[in-house]
Amino acid sequence: MACKLLIVDDNPEVCNLLKLTLAGDAYELKEVSNGVDALNAIKAWRPNIVLLDIMMPGEMNGFQVCKAVKNDPYLKHTYIALLTGKGQVKDIHQGADVGADTYLIKPFSPMVLKTLLARLTQDINFKLF
């Protein structure tokens, strides 16, 4: 069973970089570009992992999406990695406060991301079977 991974970022270049980084790995990928679409996709598609940008246009930012997911009893086990250019301590604390599982500051190493996702995928597959 492929691990379902949702990419949420309003920057097409970042989305393309993430897709290129993960190409060939055992992920079923989907992509959305704003917070409202992210929350709808998480509810409908139930991804195992969400790579979530914080700063996005529209009604919901990444912090709000993360908080909504982690407060929903059916979605709270979704793994959320915040990917952002906001690297100040207060932002990292806010990410932890809303329940983010990981906080990666852009630009990040593709190898660090691949290593993190490989470990998560092993854990997810172990729990699924």
N, C-alpha and C. Protein backbone atom coordinates (compact mmCIF):
# COMPACT_ATOMS: atom_id res chain seq x y z
N MET A 1 0.85 -1.18 0.00
CA MET A 1 0.00 0.00 0.00
C MET A 1 0.89 1.24 0.00
N ALA A 2 0.67 2.15 -0.93
CA ALA A 2 1.45 3.38 -1.01
C ALA A 2 1.03 4.34 0.09
N CYS A 3 1.99 5.06 0.59
CA CYS A 3 1.74 6.09 1.59
C CYS A 3 1.15 7.30 0.88
N LYS A 4 0.02 7.79 1.39
CA LYS A 4 -0.63 8.96 0.78
C LYS A 4 -0.04 10.23 1.37
N LEU A 5 0.46 11.10 0.48
CA LEU A 5 1.14 12.31 0.91
C LEU A 5 0.54 13.51 0.19
N LEU A 6 0.10 14.48 0.97
CA LEU A 6 -0.50 15.70 0.42
C LEU A 6 0.50 16.84 0.53
N ILE A 7 0.76 17.51 -0.59
CA ILE A 7 1.62 18.68 -0.65
C ILE A 7 0.73 19.92 -0.67
N VAL A 8 0.97 20.84 0.26
CA VAL A 8 0.16 22.06 0.34
C VAL A 8 1.11 23.26 0.30
N ASP A 9 1.14 23.93 -0.83
CA ASP A 9 2.00 25.11 -0.99
C ASP A 9 1.47 25.94 -2.15
N ASP A 10 1.46 27.26 -1.98
CA ASP A 10 0.96 28.14 -3.04
C ASP A 10 2.04 28.46 -4.07
N ASN A 11 3.27 28.02 -3.84
CA ASN A 11 4.36 28.28 -4.77
C ASN A 11 4.57 27.07 -5.68
N PRO A 12 4.24 27.19 -6.97
CA PRO A 12 4.38 26.05 -7.88
C PRO A 12 5.80 25.50 -7.95
N GLU A 13 6.80 26.37 -7.79
CA GLU A 13 8.19 25.91 -7.83
C GLU A 13 8.50 24.99 -6.66
N VAL A 14 7.99 25.32 -5.48
CA VAL A 14 8.20 24.47 -4.31
C VAL A 14 7.49 23.14 -4.52
N CYS A 15 6.26 23.18 -5.02
CA CYS A 15 5.51 21.94 -5.29
C CYS A 15 6.27 21.06 -6.28
N ASN A 16 6.79 21.66 -7.34
CA ASN A 16 7.55 20.88 -8.32
C ASN A 16 8.81 20.30 -7.71
N LEU A 17 9.52 21.06 -6.88
CA LEU A 17 10.71 20.56 -6.21
C LEU A 17 10.37 19.37 -5.32
N LEU A 18 9.29 19.49 -4.57
CA LEU A 18 8.87 18.39 -3.70
C LEU A 18 8.51 17.16 -4.52
N LYS A 19 7.78 17.35 -5.61
CA LYS A 19 7.41 16.21 -6.45
C LYS A 19 8.65 15.57 -7.08
N LEU A 20 9.61 16.37 -7.52
CA LEU A 20 10.85 15.82 -8.07
C LEU A 20 11.64 15.07 -7.00
N THR A 21 11.69 15.63 -5.81
CA THR A 21 12.40 14.99 -4.71
C THR A 21 11.81 13.63 -4.38
N LEU A 22 10.49 13.53 -4.47
CA LEU A 22 9.80 12.30 -4.06
C LEU A 22 9.51 11.36 -5.22
N ALA A 23 9.86 11.76 -6.44
CA ALA A 23 9.61 10.92 -7.62
C ALA A 23 10.34 9.59 -7.46
N GLY A 24 9.65 8.53 -7.81
CA GLY A 24 10.24 7.20 -7.74
C GLY A 24 10.08 6.54 -6.39
N ASP A 25 9.71 7.30 -5.37
CA ASP A 25 9.46 6.71 -4.07
C ASP A 25 8.01 6.23 -4.03
N ALA A 26 7.70 5.44 -3.04
CA ALA A 26 6.39 4.80 -2.97
C ALA A 26 5.35 5.70 -2.30
N TYR A 27 5.07 6.84 -2.93
CA TYR A 27 4.08 7.76 -2.40
C TYR A 27 2.99 7.98 -3.43
N GLU A 28 1.77 8.05 -2.95
CA GLU A 28 0.67 8.51 -3.78
C GLU A 28 0.53 10.00 -3.45
N LEU A 29 0.83 10.86 -4.42
CA LEU A 29 0.90 12.30 -4.17
C LEU A 29 -0.32 13.04 -4.67
N LYS A 30 -0.74 14.03 -3.90
CA LYS A 30 -1.72 15.02 -4.34
C LYS A 30 -1.19 16.38 -3.91
N GLU A 31 -1.70 17.41 -4.57
CA GLU A 31 -1.20 18.77 -4.34
C GLU A 31 -2.36 19.75 -4.34
N VAL A 32 -2.35 20.67 -3.37
CA VAL A 32 -3.30 21.79 -3.34
C VAL A 32 -2.52 23.05 -2.98
N SER A 33 -3.15 24.22 -3.21
CA SER A 33 -2.39 25.46 -3.07
C SER A 33 -2.91 26.44 -2.02
N ASN A 34 -3.91 26.04 -1.24
CA ASN A 34 -4.39 26.96 -0.19
C ASN A 34 -4.95 26.17 0.98
N GLY A 35 -5.18 26.87 2.08
CA GLY A 35 -5.60 26.22 3.31
C GLY A 35 -6.96 25.56 3.25
N VAL A 36 -7.93 26.22 2.65
CA VAL A 36 -9.28 25.65 2.56
C VAL A 36 -9.27 24.36 1.75
N ASP A 37 -8.60 24.40 0.59
CA ASP A 37 -8.49 23.18 -0.22
C ASP A 37 -7.72 22.09 0.52
N ALA A 38 -6.73 22.50 1.31
CA ALA A 38 -5.96 21.52 2.09
C ALA A 38 -6.86 20.80 3.08
N LEU A 39 -7.63 21.55 3.84
CA LEU A 39 -8.49 20.93 4.84
C LEU A 39 -9.53 20.03 4.18
N ASN A 40 -10.10 20.47 3.07
CA ASN A 40 -11.06 19.63 2.34
C ASN A 40 -10.40 18.36 1.82
N ALA A 41 -9.18 18.47 1.29
CA ALA A 41 -8.48 17.30 0.77
C ALA A 41 -8.12 16.33 1.90
N ILE A 42 -7.73 16.86 3.04
CA ILE A 42 -7.39 16.00 4.18
C ILE A 42 -8.63 15.24 4.64
N LYS A 43 -9.76 15.91 4.71
CA LYS A 43 -11.00 15.25 5.13
C LYS A 43 -11.45 14.20 4.13
N ALA A 44 -11.34 14.50 2.85
CA ALA A 44 -11.84 13.59 1.82
C ALA A 44 -10.87 12.46 1.50
N TRP A 45 -9.58 12.77 1.43
CA TRP A 45 -8.60 11.81 0.93
C TRP A 45 -7.88 11.07 2.04
N ARG A 46 -7.85 11.63 3.23
CA ARG A 46 -7.20 11.05 4.40
C ARG A 46 -5.74 10.66 4.16
N PRO A 47 -4.88 11.64 3.83
CA PRO A 47 -3.47 11.32 3.62
C PRO A 47 -2.80 10.88 4.92
N ASN A 48 -1.75 10.10 4.79
CA ASN A 48 -0.95 9.71 5.96
C ASN A 48 -0.08 10.87 6.42
N ILE A 49 0.45 11.62 5.45
CA ILE A 49 1.39 12.70 5.72
C ILE A 49 0.97 13.94 4.93
N VAL A 50 1.09 15.11 5.58
CA VAL A 50 0.82 16.38 4.91
C VAL A 50 2.07 17.26 5.04
N LEU A 51 2.58 17.71 3.90
CA LEU A 51 3.66 18.70 3.87
C LEU A 51 2.97 20.05 3.68
N LEU A 52 2.96 20.86 4.72
CA LEU A 52 2.07 22.02 4.79
C LEU A 52 2.84 23.34 4.93
N ASP A 53 2.69 24.20 3.95
CA ASP A 53 3.25 25.55 4.03
C ASP A 53 2.44 26.35 5.04
N ILE A 54 3.06 27.31 5.68
CA ILE A 54 2.35 28.14 6.65
C ILE A 54 1.70 29.34 5.98
N MET A 55 2.47 30.05 5.18
CA MET A 55 1.99 31.30 4.58
C MET A 55 1.36 31.03 3.22
N MET A 56 0.03 31.09 3.19
CA MET A 56 -0.71 30.85 1.95
C MET A 56 -1.82 31.88 1.82
N PRO A 57 -2.24 32.16 0.59
CA PRO A 57 -3.34 33.11 0.41
C PRO A 57 -4.67 32.47 0.81
N GLY A 58 -5.64 33.32 1.07
CA GLY A 58 -6.98 32.81 1.33
C GLY A 58 -7.36 32.86 2.80
N GLU A 59 -8.40 32.12 3.11
CA GLU A 59 -9.03 32.18 4.43
C GLU A 59 -8.24 31.49 5.53
N MET A 60 -7.42 30.49 5.19
CA MET A 60 -6.72 29.71 6.22
C MET A 60 -5.23 29.64 5.92
N ASN A 61 -4.42 29.88 6.95
CA ASN A 61 -2.99 29.65 6.80
C ASN A 61 -2.65 28.24 7.30
N GLY A 62 -1.41 27.88 7.20
CA GLY A 62 -1.01 26.53 7.60
C GLY A 62 -1.22 26.23 9.07
N PHE A 63 -0.99 27.22 9.93
CA PHE A 63 -1.24 27.02 11.36
C PHE A 63 -2.70 26.67 11.61
N GLN A 64 -3.61 27.38 10.94
CA GLN A 64 -5.04 27.14 11.13
C GLN A 64 -5.44 25.77 10.61
N VAL A 65 -4.88 25.36 9.48
CA VAL A 65 -5.17 24.03 8.94
C VAL A 65 -4.69 22.96 9.91
N CYS A 66 -3.47 23.12 10.38
CA CYS A 66 -2.89 22.15 11.31
C CYS A 66 -3.75 22.02 12.57
N LYS A 67 -4.13 23.15 13.14
CA LYS A 67 -4.96 23.13 14.36
C LYS A 67 -6.29 22.44 14.11
N ALA A 68 -6.92 22.73 12.97
CA ALA A 68 -8.21 22.09 12.65
C ALA A 68 -8.05 20.58 12.52
N VAL A 69 -6.98 20.14 11.89
CA VAL A 69 -6.75 18.70 11.71
C VAL A 69 -6.49 18.04 13.06
N LYS A 70 -5.63 18.62 13.85
CA LYS A 70 -5.25 18.01 15.13
C LYS A 70 -6.38 18.05 16.15
N ASN A 71 -7.37 18.94 15.97
CA ASN A 71 -8.52 19.00 16.87
C ASN A 71 -9.67 18.10 16.42
N ASP A 72 -9.54 17.49 15.26
CA ASP A 72 -10.57 16.59 14.73
C ASP A 72 -10.24 15.16 15.13
N PRO A 73 -11.11 14.49 15.89
CA PRO A 73 -10.78 13.14 16.35
C PRO A 73 -10.53 12.13 15.23
N TYR A 74 -11.10 12.35 14.06
CA TYR A 74 -10.91 11.43 12.94
C TYR A 74 -9.64 11.73 12.15
N LEU A 75 -9.10 12.92 12.30
CA LEU A 75 -7.94 13.33 11.51
C LEU A 75 -6.68 13.53 12.34
N LYS A 76 -6.80 13.56 13.65
CA LYS A 76 -5.69 13.99 14.50
C LYS A 76 -4.43 13.14 14.37
N HIS A 77 -4.54 11.93 13.84
CA HIS A 77 -3.35 11.08 13.68
C HIS A 77 -2.62 11.36 12.37
N THR A 78 -3.14 12.26 11.56
CA THR A 78 -2.46 12.66 10.33
C THR A 78 -1.14 13.34 10.70
N TYR A 79 -0.05 12.89 10.09
CA TYR A 79 1.26 13.47 10.36
C TYR A 79 1.39 14.76 9.57
N ILE A 80 1.70 15.85 10.27
CA ILE A 80 1.83 17.15 9.60
C ILE A 80 3.24 17.69 9.79
N ALA A 81 3.89 17.92 8.66
CA ALA A 81 5.20 18.58 8.64
C ALA A 81 5.01 19.98 8.08
N LEU A 82 5.26 20.98 8.89
CA LEU A 82 5.19 22.35 8.42
C LEU A 82 6.48 22.67 7.66
N LEU A 83 6.33 23.16 6.44
CA LEU A 83 7.47 23.56 5.60
C LEU A 83 7.33 25.05 5.37
N THR A 84 8.29 25.82 5.87
CA THR A 84 8.08 27.27 5.84
C THR A 84 9.38 28.05 5.84
N GLY A 85 9.29 29.27 5.40
CA GLY A 85 10.40 30.20 5.48
C GLY A 85 10.42 30.94 6.82
N LYS A 86 9.40 30.71 7.64
CA LYS A 86 9.30 31.38 8.94
C LYS A 86 10.08 30.58 9.98
N GLY A 87 11.32 31.03 10.24
CA GLY A 87 12.19 30.26 11.12
C GLY A 87 12.44 30.87 12.48
N GLN A 88 11.65 31.87 12.86
CA GLN A 88 11.83 32.47 14.17
C GLN A 88 11.31 31.54 15.26
N VAL A 89 11.88 31.66 16.44
CA VAL A 89 11.51 30.79 17.55
C VAL A 89 10.02 30.86 17.83
N LYS A 90 9.43 32.06 17.76
CA LYS A 90 7.99 32.19 18.05
C LYS A 90 7.16 31.40 17.04
N ASP A 91 7.61 31.34 15.79
CA ASP A 91 6.89 30.58 14.77
C ASP A 91 6.99 29.08 15.03
N ILE A 92 8.17 28.64 15.42
CA ILE A 92 8.37 27.22 15.73
C ILE A 92 7.50 26.83 16.93
N HIS A 93 7.45 27.69 17.94
CA HIS A 93 6.59 27.42 19.10
C HIS A 93 5.12 27.40 18.70
N GLN A 94 4.72 28.31 17.82
CA GLN A 94 3.33 28.32 17.36
C GLN A 94 3.01 27.02 16.62
N GLY A 95 3.95 26.54 15.82
CA GLY A 95 3.75 25.26 15.14
C GLY A 95 3.53 24.13 16.13
N ALA A 96 4.34 24.10 17.18
CA ALA A 96 4.17 23.07 18.22
C ALA A 96 2.83 23.24 18.93
N ASP A 97 2.44 24.48 19.19
CA ASP A 97 1.17 24.75 19.89
C ASP A 97 -0.04 24.25 19.11
N VAL A 98 0.02 24.30 17.78
CA VAL A 98 -1.13 23.84 16.98
C VAL A 98 -1.04 22.35 16.65
N GLY A 99 0.02 21.69 17.12
CA GLY A 99 0.09 20.24 16.98
C GLY A 99 0.94 19.71 15.85
N ALA A 100 1.73 20.57 15.19
CA ALA A 100 2.57 20.09 14.09
C ALA A 100 3.54 19.03 14.61
N ASP A 101 3.77 18.02 13.79
CA ASP A 101 4.67 16.93 14.18
C ASP A 101 6.13 17.27 13.87
N THR A 102 6.36 18.06 12.84
CA THR A 102 7.71 18.45 12.43
C THR A 102 7.65 19.86 11.85
N TYR A 103 8.75 20.58 11.96
CA TYR A 103 8.85 21.95 11.46
C TYR A 103 10.14 22.03 10.66
N LEU A 104 10.04 22.16 9.34
CA LEU A 104 11.21 22.27 8.48
C LEU A 104 11.26 23.67 7.89
N ILE A 105 12.41 24.31 7.99
CA ILE A 105 12.58 25.68 7.52
C ILE A 105 13.14 25.67 6.11
N LYS A 106 12.47 26.40 5.21
CA LYS A 106 12.94 26.54 3.82
C LYS A 106 14.12 27.51 3.79
N PRO A 107 15.10 27.29 2.97
CA PRO A 107 15.26 26.09 2.15
C PRO A 107 15.76 24.93 3.02
N PHE A 108 15.26 23.76 2.75
CA PHE A 108 15.66 22.56 3.49
C PHE A 108 16.33 21.61 2.52
N SER A 109 17.09 20.70 3.08
CA SER A 109 17.78 19.71 2.26
C SER A 109 16.80 18.65 1.78
N PRO A 110 16.74 18.39 0.48
CA PRO A 110 15.89 17.31 0.00
C PRO A 110 16.22 15.96 0.66
N MET A 111 17.49 15.74 0.97
CA MET A 111 17.87 14.47 1.61
C MET A 111 17.33 14.38 3.03
N VAL A 112 17.29 15.50 3.75
CA VAL A 112 16.71 15.50 5.09
C VAL A 112 15.23 15.15 4.99
N LEU A 113 14.53 15.74 4.04
CA LEU A 113 13.11 15.44 3.85
C LEU A 113 12.91 13.97 3.48
N LYS A 114 13.71 13.46 2.56
CA LYS A 114 13.57 12.06 2.14
C LYS A 114 13.83 11.10 3.31
N THR A 115 14.83 11.42 4.14
CA THR A 115 15.14 10.58 5.30
C THR A 115 13.98 10.60 6.29
N LEU A 116 13.46 11.78 6.57
CA LEU A 116 12.31 11.91 7.47
C LEU A 116 11.13 11.10 6.95
N LEU A 117 10.81 11.26 5.68
CA LEU A 117 9.66 10.57 5.10
C LEU A 117 9.88 9.06 5.05
N ALA A 118 11.10 8.62 4.81
CA ALA A 118 11.38 7.18 4.81
C ALA A 118 11.12 6.58 6.19
N ARG A 119 11.55 7.27 7.23
CA ARG A 119 11.28 6.79 8.60
C ARG A 119 9.79 6.77 8.88
N LEU A 120 9.10 7.83 8.49
CA LEU A 120 7.66 7.90 8.72
C LEU A 120 6.92 6.81 7.97
N THR A 121 7.32 6.58 6.73
CA THR A 121 6.67 5.57 5.91
C THR A 121 6.83 4.19 6.54
N GLN A 122 8.00 3.90 7.07
CA GLN A 122 8.20 2.62 7.75
C GLN A 122 7.28 2.51 8.94
N ASP A 123 7.17 3.57 9.74
CA ASP A 123 6.27 3.56 10.89
C ASP A 123 4.82 3.40 10.47
N ILE A 124 4.42 4.13 9.42
CA ILE A 124 3.04 4.06 8.95
C ILE A 124 2.73 2.67 8.42
N ASN A 125 3.62 2.10 7.62
CA ASN A 125 3.40 0.76 7.09
C ASN A 125 3.33 -0.26 8.21
N PHE A 126 4.14 -0.10 9.23
CA PHE A 126 4.11 -1.01 10.36
C PHE A 126 2.75 -0.95 11.06
N LYS A 127 2.22 0.26 11.21
CA LYS A 127 0.93 0.43 11.88
C LYS A 127 -0.24 -0.03 11.02
N LEU A 128 -0.10 0.04 9.69
CA LEU A 128 -1.19 -0.34 8.81
C LEU A 128 -1.36 -1.85 8.68
N PHE A 129 -0.27 -2.60 8.86
CA PHE A 129 -0.34 -4.05 8.62
C PHE A 129 -0.30 -4.85 9.88
